Full PDB file with SEQRES, HELIX, SHEET, SSBOND, CRYST1, ORIGX, SCALE, CONECT and MASTER records, all heavy atoms in Angstrom:
SEQRES   1 A   32  HIS LEU PRO GLN TYR LYS ALA GLN LYS HIS HIS ALA ILE          
SEQRES   2 A   32  LEU ALA VAL ASN VAL ALA ASN THR LEU SER GLN PHE LEU          
SEQRES   3 A   32  LEU ASP THR TYR GLN TYR                                      
HELIX    1 AA1 LYS A    9  GLN A   31  1                                  23    
CRYST1    1.000    1.000    1.000  90.00  90.00  90.00 P 1           1          
ORIGX1      1.000000  0.000000  0.000000        0.00000                         
ORIGX2      0.000000  1.000000  0.000000        0.00000                         
ORIGX3      0.000000  0.000000  1.000000        0.00000                         
SCALE1      1.000000  0.000000  0.000000        0.00000                         
SCALE2      0.000000  1.000000  0.000000        0.00000                         
SCALE3      0.000000  0.000000  1.000000        0.00000                         
ATOM      1  N   HIS A   1     -91.531 -75.264-157.313  1.00  0.00           N  
ATOM      2  CA  HIS A   1     -92.698 -76.262-157.143  1.00  0.00           C  
ATOM      3  C   HIS A   1     -92.323 -77.676-156.952  1.00  0.00           C  
ATOM      4  O   HIS A   1     -91.071 -77.927-157.035  1.00  0.00           O  
ATOM      5  CB  HIS A   1     -93.615 -76.033-158.423  1.00  0.00           C  
ATOM      6  CG  HIS A   1     -94.078 -74.740-158.844  1.00  0.00           C  
ATOM      7  ND1 HIS A   1     -95.173 -74.068-158.091  1.00  0.00           N  
ATOM      8  CD2 HIS A   1     -93.639 -73.983-159.700  1.00  0.00           C  
ATOM      9  CE1 HIS A   1     -95.242 -72.890-158.625  1.00  0.00           C  
ATOM     10  NE2 HIS A   1     -94.456 -72.692-159.666  1.00  0.00           N  
ATOM     11  N   LEU A   2     -93.238 -78.516-156.655  1.00  0.00           N  
ATOM     12  CA  LEU A   2     -92.859 -79.980-156.726  1.00  0.00           C  
ATOM     13  C   LEU A   2     -92.385 -80.214-158.093  1.00  0.00           C  
ATOM     14  O   LEU A   2     -93.336 -80.296-158.844  1.00  0.00           O  
ATOM     15  CB  LEU A   2     -94.116 -80.773-156.160  1.00  0.00           C  
ATOM     16  CG  LEU A   2     -93.900 -82.280-156.002  1.00  0.00           C  
ATOM     17  CD1 LEU A   2     -92.772 -82.666-155.107  1.00  0.00           C  
ATOM     18  CD2 LEU A   2     -95.139 -82.951-155.838  1.00  0.00           C  
ATOM     19  N   PRO A   3     -91.217 -80.726-158.355  1.00  0.00           N  
ATOM     20  CA  PRO A   3     -90.754 -80.902-159.649  1.00  0.00           C  
ATOM     21  C   PRO A   3     -91.362 -82.195-160.316  1.00  0.00           C  
ATOM     22  O   PRO A   3     -91.572 -83.166-159.578  1.00  0.00           O  
ATOM     23  CB  PRO A   3     -89.227 -81.120-159.465  1.00  0.00           C  
ATOM     24  CG  PRO A   3     -89.046 -81.442-158.061  1.00  0.00           C  
ATOM     25  CD  PRO A   3     -90.161 -80.805-157.314  1.00  0.00           C  
ATOM     26  N   GLN A   4     -91.691 -82.265-161.548  1.00  0.00           N  
ATOM     27  CA  GLN A   4     -92.259 -83.344-162.184  1.00  0.00           C  
ATOM     28  C   GLN A   4     -91.143 -84.156-162.860  1.00  0.00           C  
ATOM     29  O   GLN A   4     -91.305 -85.339-163.126  1.00  0.00           O  
ATOM     30  CB  GLN A   4     -93.308 -82.894-163.288  1.00  0.00           C  
ATOM     31  CG  GLN A   4     -94.493 -82.118-162.635  1.00  0.00           C  
ATOM     32  CD  GLN A   4     -95.558 -81.879-163.701  1.00  0.00           C  
ATOM     33  OE1 GLN A   4     -95.528 -82.405-164.751  1.00  0.00           O  
ATOM     34  NE2 GLN A   4     -96.366 -80.861-163.381  1.00  0.00           N  
ATOM     35  N   TYR A   5     -90.013 -83.525-163.064  1.00  0.00           N  
ATOM     36  CA  TYR A   5     -88.815 -84.119-163.616  1.00  0.00           C  
ATOM     37  C   TYR A   5     -87.672 -83.824-162.852  1.00  0.00           C  
ATOM     38  O   TYR A   5     -87.534 -82.726-162.291  1.00  0.00           O  
ATOM     39  CB  TYR A   5     -88.561 -83.760-165.165  1.00  0.00           C  
ATOM     40  CG  TYR A   5     -89.716 -83.851-165.976  1.00  0.00           C  
ATOM     41  CD1 TYR A   5     -90.621 -82.724-166.241  1.00  0.00           C  
ATOM     42  CD2 TYR A   5     -89.969 -85.078-166.649  1.00  0.00           C  
ATOM     43  CE1 TYR A   5     -91.756 -82.939-167.143  1.00  0.00           C  
ATOM     44  CE2 TYR A   5     -91.116 -85.264-167.485  1.00  0.00           C  
ATOM     45  CZ  TYR A   5     -91.888 -84.127-167.717  1.00  0.00           C  
ATOM     46  OH  TYR A   5     -92.989 -84.333-168.556  1.00  0.00           O  
ATOM     47  N   LYS A   6     -86.627 -84.703-162.742  1.00  0.00           N  
ATOM     48  CA  LYS A   6     -85.506 -84.449-161.980  1.00  0.00           C  
ATOM     49  C   LYS A   6     -84.448 -83.638-162.804  1.00  0.00           C  
ATOM     50  O   LYS A   6     -84.070 -84.230-163.907  1.00  0.00           O  
ATOM     51  CB  LYS A   6     -84.780 -85.806-161.481  1.00  0.00           C  
ATOM     52  CG  LYS A   6     -83.568 -85.636-160.639  1.00  0.00           C  
ATOM     53  CD  LYS A   6     -83.054 -86.864-160.146  1.00  0.00           C  
ATOM     54  CE  LYS A   6     -81.867 -86.683-159.241  1.00  0.00           C  
ATOM     55  NZ  LYS A   6     -81.291 -88.001-158.657  1.00  0.00           N  
ATOM     56  N   ALA A   7     -84.204 -82.459-162.448  1.00  0.00           N  
ATOM     57  CA  ALA A   7     -83.184 -81.748-163.126  1.00  0.00           C  
ATOM     58  C   ALA A   7     -81.788 -82.348-163.139  1.00  0.00           C  
ATOM     59  O   ALA A   7     -81.249 -82.666-162.094  1.00  0.00           O  
ATOM     60  CB  ALA A   7     -83.172 -80.259-162.615  1.00  0.00           C  
ATOM     61  N   GLN A   8     -81.050 -82.322-164.293  1.00  0.00           N  
ATOM     62  CA  GLN A   8     -79.687 -82.835-164.366  1.00  0.00           C  
ATOM     63  C   GLN A   8     -78.870 -81.611-164.576  1.00  0.00           C  
ATOM     64  O   GLN A   8     -79.331 -80.509-164.864  1.00  0.00           O  
ATOM     65  CB  GLN A   8     -79.544 -83.859-165.518  1.00  0.00           C  
ATOM     66  CG  GLN A   8     -80.447 -85.031-165.263  1.00  0.00           C  
ATOM     67  CD  GLN A   8     -80.131 -85.787-164.040  1.00  0.00           C  
ATOM     68  OE1 GLN A   8     -79.012 -85.925-163.692  1.00  0.00           O  
ATOM     69  NE2 GLN A   8     -81.189 -86.495-163.361  1.00  0.00           N  
ATOM     70  N   LYS A   9     -77.541 -81.857-164.625  1.00  0.00           N  
ATOM     71  CA  LYS A   9     -76.629 -80.736-164.682  1.00  0.00           C  
ATOM     72  C   LYS A   9     -76.668 -80.121-166.075  1.00  0.00           C  
ATOM     73  O   LYS A   9     -76.662 -78.813-166.172  1.00  0.00           O  
ATOM     74  CB  LYS A   9     -75.134 -81.286-164.560  1.00  0.00           C  
ATOM     75  CG  LYS A   9     -74.081 -80.283-164.671  1.00  0.00           C  
ATOM     76  CD  LYS A   9     -72.631 -80.809-164.373  1.00  0.00           C  
ATOM     77  CE  LYS A   9     -71.686 -79.665-164.371  1.00  0.00           C  
ATOM     78  NZ  LYS A   9     -70.308 -80.268-164.029  1.00  0.00           N  
ATOM     79  N   HIS A  10     -76.945 -80.834-167.119  1.00  0.00           N  
ATOM     80  CA  HIS A  10     -77.019 -80.237-168.468  1.00  0.00           C  
ATOM     81  C   HIS A  10     -78.248 -79.376-168.606  1.00  0.00           C  
ATOM     82  O   HIS A  10     -78.387 -78.412-169.333  1.00  0.00           O  
ATOM     83  CB  HIS A  10     -76.885 -81.293-169.573  1.00  0.00           C  
ATOM     84  CG  HIS A  10     -77.991 -82.308-169.529  1.00  0.00           C  
ATOM     85  ND1 HIS A  10     -78.014 -83.387-168.669  1.00  0.00           N  
ATOM     86  CD2 HIS A  10     -79.127 -82.535-170.264  1.00  0.00           C  
ATOM     87  CE1 HIS A  10     -79.020 -84.114-168.866  1.00  0.00           C  
ATOM     88  NE2 HIS A  10     -79.733 -83.634-169.824  1.00  0.00           N  
ATOM     89  N   HIS A  11     -79.359 -79.734-167.884  1.00  0.00           N  
ATOM     90  CA  HIS A  11     -80.530 -78.933-167.888  1.00  0.00           C  
ATOM     91  C   HIS A  11     -80.199 -77.523-167.248  1.00  0.00           C  
ATOM     92  O   HIS A  11     -80.609 -76.511-167.657  1.00  0.00           O  
ATOM     93  CB  HIS A  11     -81.624 -79.628-167.122  1.00  0.00           C  
ATOM     94  CG  HIS A  11     -82.124 -80.860-167.708  1.00  0.00           C  
ATOM     95  ND1 HIS A  11     -82.395 -82.015-166.952  1.00  0.00           N  
ATOM     96  CD2 HIS A  11     -82.428 -81.320-168.980  1.00  0.00           C  
ATOM     97  CE1 HIS A  11     -82.844 -83.021-167.781  1.00  0.00           C  
ATOM     98  NE2 HIS A  11     -82.805 -82.550-169.038  1.00  0.00           N  
ATOM     99  N   ALA A  12     -79.602 -77.644-166.052  1.00  0.00           N  
ATOM    100  CA  ALA A  12     -79.246 -76.485-165.287  1.00  0.00           C  
ATOM    101  C   ALA A  12     -78.290 -75.438-166.107  1.00  0.00           C  
ATOM    102  O   ALA A  12     -78.623 -74.247-166.199  1.00  0.00           O  
ATOM    103  CB  ALA A  12     -78.639 -76.796-164.022  1.00  0.00           C  
ATOM    104  N   ILE A  13     -77.314 -75.972-166.666  1.00  0.00           N  
ATOM    105  CA  ILE A  13     -76.319 -75.214-167.536  1.00  0.00           C  
ATOM    106  C   ILE A  13     -77.078 -74.486-168.663  1.00  0.00           C  
ATOM    107  O   ILE A  13     -76.866 -73.379-168.933  1.00  0.00           O  
ATOM    108  CB  ILE A  13     -75.194 -76.041-167.909  1.00  0.00           C  
ATOM    109  CG1 ILE A  13     -74.299 -76.337-166.757  1.00  0.00           C  
ATOM    110  CG2 ILE A  13     -74.377 -75.282-168.982  1.00  0.00           C  
ATOM    111  CD1 ILE A  13     -73.175 -77.261-167.129  1.00  0.00           C  
ATOM    112  N   LEU A  14     -77.961 -75.317-169.296  1.00  0.00           N  
ATOM    113  CA  LEU A  14     -78.626 -74.739-170.347  1.00  0.00           C  
ATOM    114  C   LEU A  14     -79.651 -73.611-169.995  1.00  0.00           C  
ATOM    115  O   LEU A  14     -79.612 -72.584-170.593  1.00  0.00           O  
ATOM    116  CB  LEU A  14     -79.568 -75.800-171.002  1.00  0.00           C  
ATOM    117  CG  LEU A  14     -80.544 -75.417-172.103  1.00  0.00           C  
ATOM    118  CD1 LEU A  14     -79.838 -74.943-173.265  1.00  0.00           C  
ATOM    119  CD2 LEU A  14     -81.457 -76.560-172.565  1.00  0.00           C  
ATOM    120  N   ALA A  15     -80.329 -73.862-168.884  1.00  0.00           N  
ATOM    121  CA  ALA A  15     -81.333 -72.773-168.289  1.00  0.00           C  
ATOM    122  C   ALA A  15     -80.501 -71.582-167.947  1.00  0.00           C  
ATOM    123  O   ALA A  15     -80.864 -70.558-168.262  1.00  0.00           O  
ATOM    124  CB  ALA A  15     -82.009 -73.364-167.149  1.00  0.00           C  
ATOM    125  N   VAL A  16     -79.375 -71.731-167.232  1.00  0.00           N  
ATOM    126  CA  VAL A  16     -78.530 -70.567-166.793  1.00  0.00           C  
ATOM    127  C   VAL A  16     -77.960 -69.890-168.036  1.00  0.00           C  
ATOM    128  O   VAL A  16     -78.071 -68.607-168.087  1.00  0.00           O  
ATOM    129  CB  VAL A  16     -77.450 -71.041-165.820  1.00  0.00           C  
ATOM    130  CG1 VAL A  16     -76.463 -69.989-165.508  1.00  0.00           C  
ATOM    131  CG2 VAL A  16     -78.098 -71.519-164.486  1.00  0.00           C  
ATOM    132  N   ASN A  17     -77.408 -70.613-168.937  1.00  0.00           N  
ATOM    133  CA  ASN A  17     -76.858 -69.931-170.190  1.00  0.00           C  
ATOM    134  C   ASN A  17     -77.747 -69.237-170.867  1.00  0.00           C  
ATOM    135  O   ASN A  17     -77.582 -68.037-171.361  1.00  0.00           O  
ATOM    136  CB  ASN A  17     -76.044 -71.065-171.045  1.00  0.00           C  
ATOM    137  CG  ASN A  17     -74.750 -71.306-170.569  1.00  0.00           C  
ATOM    138  OD1 ASN A  17     -74.083 -70.407-170.061  1.00  0.00           O  
ATOM    139  ND2 ASN A  17     -74.192 -72.471-170.867  1.00  0.00           N  
ATOM    140  N   VAL A  18     -79.048 -69.795-171.056  1.00  0.00           N  
ATOM    141  CA  VAL A  18     -80.066 -69.181-171.838  1.00  0.00           C  
ATOM    142  C   VAL A  18     -80.508 -67.894-171.124  1.00  0.00           C  
ATOM    143  O   VAL A  18     -80.711 -66.736-171.871  1.00  0.00           O  
ATOM    144  CB  VAL A  18     -81.145 -70.051-172.037  1.00  0.00           C  
ATOM    145  CG1 VAL A  18     -82.466 -69.420-172.446  1.00  0.00           C  
ATOM    146  CG2 VAL A  18     -80.920 -71.111-173.102  1.00  0.00           C  
ATOM    147  N   ALA A  19     -80.697 -67.949-169.788  1.00  0.00           N  
ATOM    148  CA  ALA A  19     -81.060 -66.837-169.018  1.00  0.00           C  
ATOM    149  C   ALA A  19     -80.106 -65.696-169.044  1.00  0.00           C  
ATOM    150  O   ALA A  19     -80.385 -64.490-169.237  1.00  0.00           O  
ATOM    151  CB  ALA A  19     -81.341 -67.226-167.620  1.00  0.00           C  
ATOM    152  N   ASN A  20     -78.769 -66.076-169.074  1.00  0.00           N  
ATOM    153  CA  ASN A  20     -77.676 -65.059-169.050  1.00  0.00           C  
ATOM    154  C   ASN A  20     -77.769 -64.420-170.401  1.00  0.00           C  
ATOM    155  O   ASN A  20     -77.533 -63.252-170.606  1.00  0.00           O  
ATOM    156  CB  ASN A  20     -76.399 -65.738-168.816  1.00  0.00           C  
ATOM    157  CG  ASN A  20     -76.232 -66.101-167.313  1.00  0.00           C  
ATOM    158  OD1 ASN A  20     -77.102 -65.745-166.496  1.00  0.00           O  
ATOM    159  ND2 ASN A  20     -75.205 -66.671-166.978  1.00  0.00           N  
ATOM    160  N   THR A  21     -77.796 -65.192-171.555  1.00  0.00           N  
ATOM    161  CA  THR A  21     -77.737 -64.698-172.797  1.00  0.00           C  
ATOM    162  C   THR A  21     -78.886 -63.681-173.129  1.00  0.00           C  
ATOM    163  O   THR A  21     -78.677 -62.580-173.650  1.00  0.00           O  
ATOM    164  CB  THR A  21     -77.778 -65.867-173.931  1.00  0.00           C  
ATOM    165  OG1 THR A  21     -76.598 -66.643-173.662  1.00  0.00           O  
ATOM    166  CG2 THR A  21     -77.758 -65.232-175.261  1.00  0.00           C  
ATOM    167  N   LEU A  22     -80.176 -64.150-172.734  1.00  0.00           N  
ATOM    168  CA  LEU A  22     -81.319 -63.281-172.907  1.00  0.00           C  
ATOM    169  C   LEU A  22     -81.161 -61.956-172.034  1.00  0.00           C  
ATOM    170  O   LEU A  22     -81.440 -60.902-172.463  1.00  0.00           O  
ATOM    171  CB  LEU A  22     -82.513 -64.001-172.515  1.00  0.00           C  
ATOM    172  CG  LEU A  22     -83.852 -63.225-172.627  1.00  0.00           C  
ATOM    173  CD1 LEU A  22     -84.097 -62.741-174.052  1.00  0.00           C  
ATOM    174  CD2 LEU A  22     -85.058 -64.023-172.183  1.00  0.00           C  
ATOM    175  N   SER A  23     -80.581 -62.139-170.819  1.00  0.00           N  
ATOM    176  CA  SER A  23     -80.501 -60.940-169.930  1.00  0.00           C  
ATOM    177  C   SER A  23     -79.604 -59.973-170.545  1.00  0.00           C  
ATOM    178  O   SER A  23     -79.852 -58.719-170.663  1.00  0.00           O  
ATOM    179  CB  SER A  23     -79.982 -61.357-168.539  1.00  0.00           C  
ATOM    180  OG  SER A  23     -80.797 -62.207-167.901  1.00  0.00           O  
ATOM    181  N   GLN A  24     -78.373 -60.485-171.088  1.00  0.00           N  
ATOM    182  CA  GLN A  24     -77.417 -59.623-171.616  1.00  0.00           C  
ATOM    183  C   GLN A  24     -77.978 -58.856-172.894  1.00  0.00           C  
ATOM    184  O   GLN A  24     -77.844 -57.724-173.106  1.00  0.00           O  
ATOM    185  CB  GLN A  24     -76.174 -60.386-172.136  1.00  0.00           C  
ATOM    186  CG  GLN A  24     -75.015 -59.501-172.701  1.00  0.00           C  
ATOM    187  CD  GLN A  24     -74.470 -58.678-171.364  1.00  0.00           C  
ATOM    188  OE1 GLN A  24     -73.951 -59.251-170.477  1.00  0.00           O  
ATOM    189  NE2 GLN A  24     -74.610 -57.317-171.457  1.00  0.00           N  
ATOM    190  N   PHE A  25     -78.809 -59.631-173.699  1.00  0.00           N  
ATOM    191  CA  PHE A  25     -79.447 -59.144-174.962  1.00  0.00           C  
ATOM    192  C   PHE A  25     -80.416 -57.907-174.629  1.00  0.00           C  
ATOM    193  O   PHE A  25     -80.431 -56.825-175.167  1.00  0.00           O  
ATOM    194  CB  PHE A  25     -80.052 -60.132-175.838  1.00  0.00           C  
ATOM    195  CG  PHE A  25     -80.916 -59.537-177.026  1.00  0.00           C  
ATOM    196  CD1 PHE A  25     -80.144 -59.193-178.074  1.00  0.00           C  
ATOM    197  CD2 PHE A  25     -82.195 -59.477-176.900  1.00  0.00           C  
ATOM    198  CE1 PHE A  25     -80.834 -58.593-179.151  1.00  0.00           C  
ATOM    199  CE2 PHE A  25     -82.891 -59.025-178.054  1.00  0.00           C  
ATOM    200  CZ  PHE A  25     -82.193 -58.592-179.133  1.00  0.00           C  
ATOM    201  N   LEU A  26     -81.210 -58.213-173.624  1.00  0.00           N  
ATOM    202  CA  LEU A  26     -82.182 -57.179-173.143  1.00  0.00           C  
ATOM    203  C   LEU A  26     -81.606 -55.977-172.623  1.00  0.00           C  
ATOM    204  O   LEU A  26     -81.910 -54.884-172.928  1.00  0.00           O  
ATOM    205  CB  LEU A  26     -83.211 -57.842-172.165  1.00  0.00           C  
ATOM    206  CG  LEU A  26     -84.054 -58.933-172.591  1.00  0.00           C  
ATOM    207  CD1 LEU A  26     -84.958 -59.520-171.553  1.00  0.00           C  
ATOM    208  CD2 LEU A  26     -85.035 -58.445-173.789  1.00  0.00           C  
ATOM    209  N   LEU A  27     -80.491 -56.154-171.715  1.00  0.00           N  
ATOM    210  CA  LEU A  27     -79.787 -55.080-171.200  1.00  0.00           C  
ATOM    211  C   LEU A  27     -79.118 -54.162-172.375  1.00  0.00           C  
ATOM    212  O   LEU A  27     -79.283 -52.968-172.364  1.00  0.00           O  
ATOM    213  CB  LEU A  27     -78.753 -55.486-170.188  1.00  0.00           C  
ATOM    214  CG  LEU A  27     -79.248 -56.134-168.938  1.00  0.00           C  
ATOM    215  CD1 LEU A  27     -78.072 -56.617-168.067  1.00  0.00           C  
ATOM    216  CD2 LEU A  27     -79.951 -55.051-168.075  1.00  0.00           C  
ATOM    217  N   ASP A  28     -78.490 -54.824-173.227  1.00  0.00           N  
ATOM    218  CA  ASP A  28     -77.901 -54.128-174.447  1.00  0.00           C  
ATOM    219  C   ASP A  28     -78.804 -53.395-175.232  1.00  0.00           C  
ATOM    220  O   ASP A  28     -78.555 -52.397-175.669  1.00  0.00           O  
ATOM    221  CB  ASP A  28     -76.962 -55.115-175.244  1.00  0.00           C  
ATOM    222  CG  ASP A  28     -75.738 -55.701-174.462  1.00  0.00           C  
ATOM    223  OD1 ASP A  28     -75.426 -55.004-173.425  1.00  0.00           O  
ATOM    224  OD2 ASP A  28     -75.167 -56.662-174.941  1.00  0.00           O  
ATOM    225  N   THR A  29     -79.969 -54.110-175.578  1.00  0.00           N  
ATOM    226  CA  THR A  29     -81.088 -53.463-176.291  1.00  0.00           C  
ATOM    227  C   THR A  29     -81.601 -52.249-175.683  1.00  0.00           C  
ATOM    228  O   THR A  29     -81.758 -51.303-176.272  1.00  0.00           O  
ATOM    229  CB  THR A  29     -82.162 -54.634-176.599  1.00  0.00           C  
ATOM    230  OG1 THR A  29     -81.529 -55.696-177.339  1.00  0.00           O  
ATOM    231  CG2 THR A  29     -83.289 -53.915-177.417  1.00  0.00           C  
ATOM    232  N   TYR A  30     -81.780 -52.352-174.379  1.00  0.00           N  
ATOM    233  CA  TYR A  30     -82.281 -51.190-173.646  1.00  0.00           C  
ATOM    234  C   TYR A  30     -81.332 -50.000-173.696  1.00  0.00           C  
ATOM    235  O   TYR A  30     -81.747 -48.790-173.971  1.00  0.00           O  
ATOM    236  CB  TYR A  30     -82.551 -51.503-172.102  1.00  0.00           C  
ATOM    237  CG  TYR A  30     -82.704 -50.446-171.246  1.00  0.00           C  
ATOM    238  CD1 TYR A  30     -83.763 -49.493-171.409  1.00  0.00           C  
ATOM    239  CD2 TYR A  30     -81.815 -50.067-170.288  1.00  0.00           C  
ATOM    240  CE1 TYR A  30     -83.900 -48.400-170.595  1.00  0.00           C  
ATOM    241  CE2 TYR A  30     -82.026 -49.031-169.434  1.00  0.00           C  
ATOM    242  CZ  TYR A  30     -83.031 -48.144-169.575  1.00  0.00           C  
ATOM    243  OH  TYR A  30     -83.192 -46.993-168.816  1.00  0.00           O  
ATOM    244  N   GLN A  31     -80.126 -50.270-173.451  1.00  0.00           N  
ATOM    245  CA  GLN A  31     -79.081 -49.203-173.482  1.00  0.00           C  
ATOM    246  C   GLN A  31     -79.015 -48.559-174.885  1.00  0.00           C  
ATOM    247  O   GLN A  31     -79.013 -47.400-175.043  1.00  0.00           O  
ATOM    248  CB  GLN A  31     -77.669 -49.773-173.077  1.00  0.00           C  
ATOM    249  CG  GLN A  31     -77.611 -50.218-171.643  1.00  0.00           C  
ATOM    250  CD  GLN A  31     -77.735 -48.971-170.629  1.00  0.00           C  
ATOM    251  OE1 GLN A  31     -77.540 -47.867-170.941  1.00  0.00           O  
ATOM    252  NE2 GLN A  31     -78.108 -49.354-169.439  1.00  0.00           N  
ATOM    253  N   TYR A  32     -79.020 -49.408-175.909  1.00  0.00           N  
ATOM    254  CA  TYR A  32     -78.933 -48.914-177.332  1.00  0.00           C  
ATOM    255  C   TYR A  32     -80.193 -48.043-177.655  1.00  0.00           C  
ATOM    256  O   TYR A  32     -80.000 -47.004-178.286  1.00  0.00           O  
ATOM    257  CB  TYR A  32     -78.866 -50.126-178.160  1.00  0.00           C  
ATOM    258  CG  TYR A  32     -78.930 -49.806-179.721  1.00  0.00           C  
ATOM    259  CD1 TYR A  32     -77.724 -49.582-180.415  1.00  0.00           C  
ATOM    260  CD2 TYR A  32     -80.053 -49.885-180.531  1.00  0.00           C  
ATOM    261  CE1 TYR A  32     -77.692 -49.177-181.786  1.00  0.00           C  
ATOM    262  CE2 TYR A  32     -80.066 -49.488-181.795  1.00  0.00           C  
ATOM    263  CZ  TYR A  32     -78.877 -49.210-182.523  1.00  0.00           C  
ATOM    264  OH  TYR A  32     -78.943 -48.921-183.773  1.00  0.00           O  
TER     265      TYR A  32                                                      
MASTER        0    0    0    1    0    0    0    6  264    1    0    3          
END                                                                             
């Protein structure tokens, strides 16, 4: 969308890390 805030590197790394962690947890939970 048209961004309301300018994303910085630390925002991007946080978003990607959080998404990766949640993805891994959901995949592992599903397999378990």
